[in-house]
Amino acid sequence: MTTEEYDASVAEWVATAKHPRFNKLYSECVYQPMLEVLAYLRANGFKTFIVSGGGQDFMRVWAEEVYGIPPQQVVGTNSKTVFEIRDGKAVLVKTLDNLFIDDKGGKPVGIHRFIGRRPVMSFGNSDGDKAMLEYATVGNPLPSFGLIVHHTDAVREYAYDANPKSSGRLVDALADAPKRGWVVVDMAKEWNTVFKK
């Protein structure tokens, strides 16, 4: 599949796929506080990135649509892409070769490889984000900030940490938060609004 074909299929999914529990588009199930933080950071001169364990090509389409983050500011799990001429047109074709997993210790590696700068802020919600939070805050020569969103709201979203049904586990990063100085946000207690307004 070419990257253009893949992007088109993701764009169609974003425009039509509905969350089975909330019965609304996935693009409407983004976190309002996350949108507010991104807007605040941009308004104050910060360049914002998404660093995800999800597929980079998927996340590039998703992040631009729902967060306003351009594709070149998205780092994710990725594999080798090859150049071909098909029907007289230059295309890039996705492969499964040389898979790079952008999760856990892979996140700081991906940040270095694709961004080339150490972050001064990092936000996460699972143990897959722990190394990225550490990279941003432990031994950083610049002032830095780390934040963990703790999913505790079973009514408006989901409540999980040790035994998640579908998303990342949050145990080790949560335990390390006090000694690392990371802010832990309790979704049920601290978010007035969960999903995009």
Protein backbone atom coordinates (compact mmCIF):
# COMPACT_ATOMS: atom_id res chain seq x y z
CA MET A 1 0.00 0.00 0.00
CA THR A 2 1.31 3.45 -0.83
CA THR A 3 1.56 6.11 1.85
CA GLU A 4 -1.06 8.16 -0.02
CA GLU A 5 -3.48 5.22 -0.10
CA TYR A 6 -2.88 4.60 3.58
CA ASP A 7 -3.41 8.28 4.47
CA ALA A 8 -6.70 8.28 2.55
CA SER A 9 -7.92 5.17 4.39
CA VAL A 10 -7.03 6.73 7.76
CA ALA A 11 -8.76 10.00 6.83
CA GLU A 12 -11.89 8.04 5.92
CA TRP A 13 -11.73 6.17 9.24
CA VAL A 14 -11.31 9.43 11.19
CA ALA A 15 -14.33 10.90 9.38
CA THR A 16 -16.62 7.90 9.93
CA ALA A 17 -15.53 5.55 12.74
CA LYS A 18 -17.55 5.73 15.95
CA HIS A 19 -16.56 4.70 19.44
CA PRO A 20 -18.73 1.71 20.43
CA ARG A 21 -19.37 2.88 24.01
CA PHE A 22 -19.85 6.62 23.45
CA ASN A 23 -21.50 6.37 20.01
CA LYS A 24 -19.68 9.36 18.63
CA LEU A 25 -16.81 9.80 16.23
CA TYR A 26 -13.40 8.94 17.65
CA SER A 27 -12.36 12.45 16.63
CA GLU A 28 -14.95 13.74 19.12
CA CYS A 29 -13.51 11.54 21.88
CA VAL A 30 -10.30 13.53 22.28
CA TYR A 31 -9.56 15.06 25.64
CA GLN A 32 -10.64 18.68 26.04
CA PRO A 33 -7.90 19.38 28.64
CA MET A 34 -5.30 18.07 26.17
CA LEU A 35 -6.60 20.42 23.49
CA GLU A 36 -6.45 23.30 25.98
CA VAL A 37 -2.86 22.51 27.03
CA LEU A 38 -1.74 22.25 23.39
CA ALA A 39 -3.38 25.60 22.57
CA TYR A 40 -1.82 27.22 25.65
CA LEU A 41 1.67 25.93 24.83
CA ARG A 42 1.45 27.06 21.19
CA ALA A 43 0.15 30.50 22.25
CA ASN A 44 3.24 30.80 24.45
CA GLY A 45 5.78 29.93 21.78
CA PHE A 46 6.18 26.18 22.30
CA LYS A 47 6.37 23.73 19.42
CA THR A 48 4.16 20.74 20.20
CA PHE A 49 4.73 17.13 19.16
CA ILE A 50 2.89 13.85 19.48
CA VAL A 51 5.12 10.91 20.43
CA SER A 52 3.01 7.78 20.30
CA GLY A 53 3.40 4.04 20.44
CA GLY A 54 0.79 3.97 17.67
CA GLY A 55 1.65 3.76 14.00
CA GLN A 56 3.39 6.91 12.81
CA ASP A 57 1.53 7.16 9.50
CA PHE A 58 -1.82 6.70 11.25
CA MET A 59 -0.92 9.22 13.95
CA ARG A 60 0.22 11.80 11.39
CA VAL A 61 -3.24 11.90 9.82
CA TRP A 62 -5.00 11.68 13.21
CA ALA A 63 -2.89 14.32 14.98
CA GLU A 64 -3.26 16.86 12.20
CA GLU A 65 -7.03 16.38 12.09
CA VAL A 66 -7.80 16.38 15.81
CA TYR A 67 -4.90 18.24 17.45
CA GLY A 68 -3.71 20.56 14.68
CA ILE A 69 -0.23 19.04 14.88
CA PRO A 70 1.41 18.77 11.45
CA PRO A 71 2.77 15.40 10.24
CA GLN A 72 6.41 16.43 10.64
CA GLN A 73 5.78 16.88 14.39
CA VAL A 74 4.57 13.32 14.96
CA VAL A 75 6.78 10.43 16.06
CA GLY A 76 5.39 6.91 16.19
CA THR A 77 6.02 3.26 15.53
CA ASN A 78 7.21 2.94 11.95
CA SER A 79 8.88 0.70 9.41
CA LYS A 80 10.85 1.01 6.22
CA THR A 81 9.18 2.82 3.35
CA VAL A 82 10.42 2.21 -0.19
CA PHE A 83 10.35 4.40 -3.30
CA GLU A 84 8.76 3.07 -6.49
CA ILE A 85 7.45 4.32 -9.82
CA ARG A 86 3.92 2.97 -10.31
CA ASP A 87 1.94 3.80 -13.43
CA GLY A 88 4.34 6.64 -14.18
CA LYS A 89 3.95 8.17 -10.72
CA ALA A 90 6.53 8.38 -7.94
CA VAL A 91 5.16 6.79 -4.75
CA LEU A 92 6.30 5.59 -1.36
CA VAL A 93 5.24 2.08 -0.36
CA LYS A 94 4.83 0.93 3.23
CA THR A 95 6.57 -2.30 4.27
CA LEU A 96 6.87 -4.27 7.51
CA ASP A 97 10.68 -4.31 7.32
CA ASN A 98 12.90 -2.71 9.97
CA LEU A 99 10.06 -2.07 12.40
CA PHE A 100 10.87 0.62 14.98
CA ILE A 101 8.69 0.39 18.09
CA ASP A 102 8.12 3.86 19.53
CA ASP A 103 7.18 2.74 23.03
CA LYS A 104 8.92 2.57 26.39
CA GLY A 105 12.67 3.08 25.81
CA GLY A 106 11.97 3.56 22.11
CA LYS A 107 10.25 6.90 22.76
CA PRO A 108 13.41 8.81 23.78
CA VAL A 109 15.23 7.15 20.87
CA GLY A 110 12.46 8.24 18.49
CA ILE A 111 12.53 11.76 19.90
CA HIS A 112 16.28 11.95 19.30
CA ARG A 113 16.07 10.38 15.85
CA PHE A 114 13.16 12.39 14.47
CA ILE A 115 13.10 15.62 16.49
CA GLY A 116 16.74 16.00 17.49
CA ARG A 117 16.04 17.91 20.70
CA ARG A 118 15.41 16.87 24.26
CA PRO A 119 11.92 17.94 25.36
CA VAL A 120 11.38 20.25 28.31
CA MET A 121 7.84 18.96 28.86
CA SER A 122 6.39 15.51 28.59
CA PHE A 123 2.86 14.24 29.15
CA GLY A 124 1.86 10.59 29.35
CA ASN A 125 -0.73 8.14 30.62
CA SER A 126 0.97 4.75 30.72
CA ASP A 127 4.17 2.93 31.61
CA GLY A 128 4.97 3.13 27.90
CA ASP A 129 5.55 6.86 28.51
CA LYS A 130 7.84 6.45 31.55
CA ALA A 131 11.15 6.58 29.63
CA MET A 132 9.95 9.64 27.70
CA LEU A 133 9.00 11.38 30.96
CA GLU A 134 12.43 10.50 32.36
CA TYR A 135 14.18 11.76 29.23
CA ALA A 136 12.39 15.10 29.56
CA THR A 137 12.91 15.56 33.30
CA VAL A 138 15.82 13.52 34.70
CA GLY A 139 19.12 15.35 34.30
CA ASN A 140 17.72 17.84 31.81
CA PRO A 141 19.93 20.96 31.91
CA LEU A 142 16.84 23.10 31.24
CA PRO A 143 13.84 23.55 33.54
CA SER A 144 11.47 20.70 32.77
CA PHE A 145 8.01 19.36 33.56
CA GLY A 146 6.39 15.92 33.53
CA LEU A 147 2.70 15.09 33.87
CA ILE A 148 0.80 11.82 34.04
CA VAL A 149 -2.92 11.59 33.31
CA HIS A 150 -4.37 8.91 35.59
CA HIS A 151 -7.53 7.40 34.10
CA THR A 152 -9.80 7.19 37.14
CA ASP A 153 -13.19 8.14 35.70
CA ALA A 154 -15.20 5.01 34.91
CA VAL A 155 -18.36 7.05 34.38
CA ARG A 156 -17.19 9.65 31.85
CA GLU A 157 -14.30 7.66 30.34
CA TYR A 158 -12.51 4.63 31.86
CA ALA A 159 -10.81 3.78 35.14
CA TYR A 160 -7.64 1.74 34.85
CA ASP A 161 -4.03 1.48 35.83
CA ALA A 162 -2.80 -2.00 36.77
CA ASN A 163 -5.20 -4.01 34.60
CA PRO A 164 -6.30 -2.02 31.56
CA LYS A 165 -8.76 -3.62 29.16
CA SER A 166 -7.46 -1.97 26.02
CA SER A 167 -4.88 0.71 26.70
CA GLY A 168 -1.52 0.96 28.42
CA ARG A 169 -0.77 -0.18 31.94
CA LEU A 170 0.08 2.56 34.46
CA VAL A 171 1.89 1.20 37.53
CA ASP A 172 5.64 1.90 37.38
CA ALA A 173 5.38 5.49 36.13
CA LEU A 174 2.70 6.23 38.72
CA ALA A 175 4.92 4.82 41.49
CA ASP A 176 7.90 6.88 40.28
CA ALA A 177 5.95 10.14 39.92
CA PRO A 178 6.54 11.48 43.47
CA LYS A 179 10.31 10.95 43.42
CA ARG A 180 10.59 12.33 39.87
CA GLY A 181 8.46 15.38 40.65
CA TRP A 182 5.88 14.52 37.99
CA VAL A 183 2.39 15.93 38.40
CA VAL A 184 -0.31 13.25 38.50
CA VAL A 185 -3.72 14.40 37.29
CA ASP A 186 -6.66 12.40 38.60
CA MET A 187 -9.14 12.53 35.75
CA ALA A 188 -12.26 11.95 37.90
CA LYS A 189 -11.34 14.59 40.47
CA GLU A 190 -9.57 17.21 38.36
CA TRP A 191 -11.17 17.31 34.92
CA ASN A 192 -14.44 19.24 34.66
CA THR A 193 -14.76 18.14 31.05
CA VAL A 194 -13.31 14.98 29.56
CA PHE A 195 -14.12 15.01 25.85
CA LYS A 196 -13.87 17.77 23.27
CA LYS A 197 -16.58 20.42 23.54
